[in-house]
């Protein structure tokens, strides 16, 4: 994708956001305030369903493998939340699991 295409898409997204904000004041707090629509695909269980369902052992093992892989690559550094300055935004994470 060319840089011109990326810039055009960003301008279009900003324009759509501004219009939505104008048409629905208070509805949009920030461009990142959207939450994904609930998915009822049986092959994509919720985290609770995957960790307590019939495939729980496989999901736990795959999660352990994923965390071990990320740790071996030194992808992050774990720090206590209490050591962060007040008002610091923490990047959230989530697990998405699929039955194959």
Protein backbone atom coordinates (compact mmCIF):
# COMPACT_ATOMS: atom_id res chain seq x y z
CA UNK A 1 0.00 0.00 0.00
CA UNK A 2 1.43 3.36 -0.97
CA UNK A 3 1.91 6.25 1.41
CA UNK A 4 -0.67 8.30 -0.53
CA UNK A 5 -3.27 5.55 0.02
CA UNK A 6 -2.51 5.41 3.75
CA UNK A 7 -2.77 9.19 4.07
CA UNK A 8 -6.07 9.17 2.14
CA UNK A 9 -7.48 6.46 4.41
CA UNK A 10 -6.41 8.39 7.52
CA UNK A 11 -8.08 11.57 6.22
CA UNK A 12 -11.25 9.62 5.45
CA UNK A 13 -11.26 8.01 8.92
CA UNK A 14 -10.72 11.39 10.62
CA UNK A 15 -13.52 12.91 8.54
CA UNK A 16 -15.92 10.10 9.48
CA UNK A 17 -14.99 10.45 13.14
CA UNK A 18 -15.56 14.22 13.12
CA UNK A 19 -18.97 13.75 11.44
CA UNK A 20 -20.03 11.08 13.94
CA UNK A 21 -18.86 13.25 16.83
CA UNK A 22 -20.82 16.24 15.47
CA UNK A 23 -23.97 14.20 14.79
CA UNK A 24 -23.84 12.32 18.12
CA UNK A 25 -22.19 14.53 20.76
CA UNK A 26 -21.13 12.61 23.82
CA UNK A 27 -21.38 9.27 22.05
CA UNK A 28 -17.75 9.19 20.99
CA UNK A 29 -15.26 9.95 23.73
CA UNK A 30 -12.19 9.19 21.65
CA UNK A 31 -11.36 7.47 18.37
CA UNK A 32 -10.29 4.38 20.33
CA UNK A 33 -13.44 4.03 22.43
CA UNK A 34 -15.05 1.40 20.22
CA UNK A 35 -15.58 -2.13 21.46
CA UNK A 36 -15.84 -5.09 19.16
CA UNK A 37 -19.29 -6.50 18.54
CA UNK A 38 -20.03 -9.67 20.49
CA UNK A 39 -19.25 -12.71 18.39
CA UNK A 40 -21.38 -15.84 18.68
CA UNK A 41 -19.18 -17.99 16.47
CA UNK A 42 -19.00 -21.43 18.17
CA UNK A 43 -15.37 -21.76 17.02
CA UNK A 44 -14.41 -18.58 18.91
CA UNK A 45 -15.40 -19.12 22.56
CA UNK A 46 -15.15 -16.40 25.19
CA UNK A 47 -12.14 -16.59 27.49
CA UNK A 48 -14.29 -18.00 30.30
CA UNK A 49 -15.82 -20.61 27.98
CA UNK A 50 -12.44 -21.64 26.60
CA UNK A 51 -10.81 -22.03 30.02
CA UNK A 52 -13.69 -23.99 31.58
CA UNK A 53 -15.05 -25.90 28.56
CA UNK A 54 -14.23 -29.28 27.09
CA UNK A 55 -11.04 -27.98 25.43
CA UNK A 56 -9.78 -26.19 28.56
CA UNK A 57 -6.57 -28.20 28.93
CA UNK A 58 -5.56 -27.47 25.32
CA UNK A 59 -6.27 -23.75 25.76
CA UNK A 60 -4.28 -23.56 29.00
CA UNK A 61 -1.32 -25.30 27.31
CA UNK A 62 -1.47 -23.01 24.28
CA UNK A 63 -1.59 -19.95 26.54
CA UNK A 64 1.41 -21.21 28.51
CA UNK A 65 3.31 -21.80 25.25
CA UNK A 66 2.45 -18.32 23.97
CA UNK A 67 3.56 -16.58 27.17
CA UNK A 68 6.77 -18.63 27.27
CA UNK A 69 7.51 -17.69 23.66
CA UNK A 70 6.94 -13.98 24.31
CA UNK A 71 9.07 -14.09 27.46
CA UNK A 72 11.93 -15.89 25.67
CA UNK A 73 11.93 -13.12 23.05
CA UNK A 74 11.92 -10.47 25.80
CA UNK A 75 8.82 -8.88 24.29
CA UNK A 76 7.96 -6.97 27.45
CA UNK A 77 9.11 -6.07 30.92
CA UNK A 78 6.73 -6.71 33.80
CA UNK A 79 6.57 -3.80 36.22
CA UNK A 80 4.24 -3.25 39.19
CA UNK A 81 1.31 -1.00 38.35
CA UNK A 82 1.99 0.85 41.61
CA UNK A 83 5.36 1.99 40.21
CA UNK A 84 3.69 3.90 37.35
CA UNK A 85 3.12 7.65 37.63
CA UNK A 86 -0.52 8.65 38.26
CA UNK A 87 -2.49 8.99 35.05
CA UNK A 88 -0.27 6.63 33.06
CA UNK A 89 -2.24 4.72 30.43
CA UNK A 90 -1.58 0.98 30.42
CA UNK A 91 -1.96 -0.88 27.14
CA UNK A 92 -4.60 -3.57 27.67
CA UNK A 93 -4.31 -7.07 26.31
CA UNK A 94 -6.79 -9.80 25.57
CA UNK A 95 -6.82 -13.44 24.55
CA UNK A 96 -8.63 -14.50 21.39
CA UNK A 97 -8.86 -18.24 21.02
CA UNK A 98 -10.24 -20.36 18.21
CA UNK A 99 -11.17 -24.03 18.04
CA UNK A 100 -9.50 -25.57 14.97
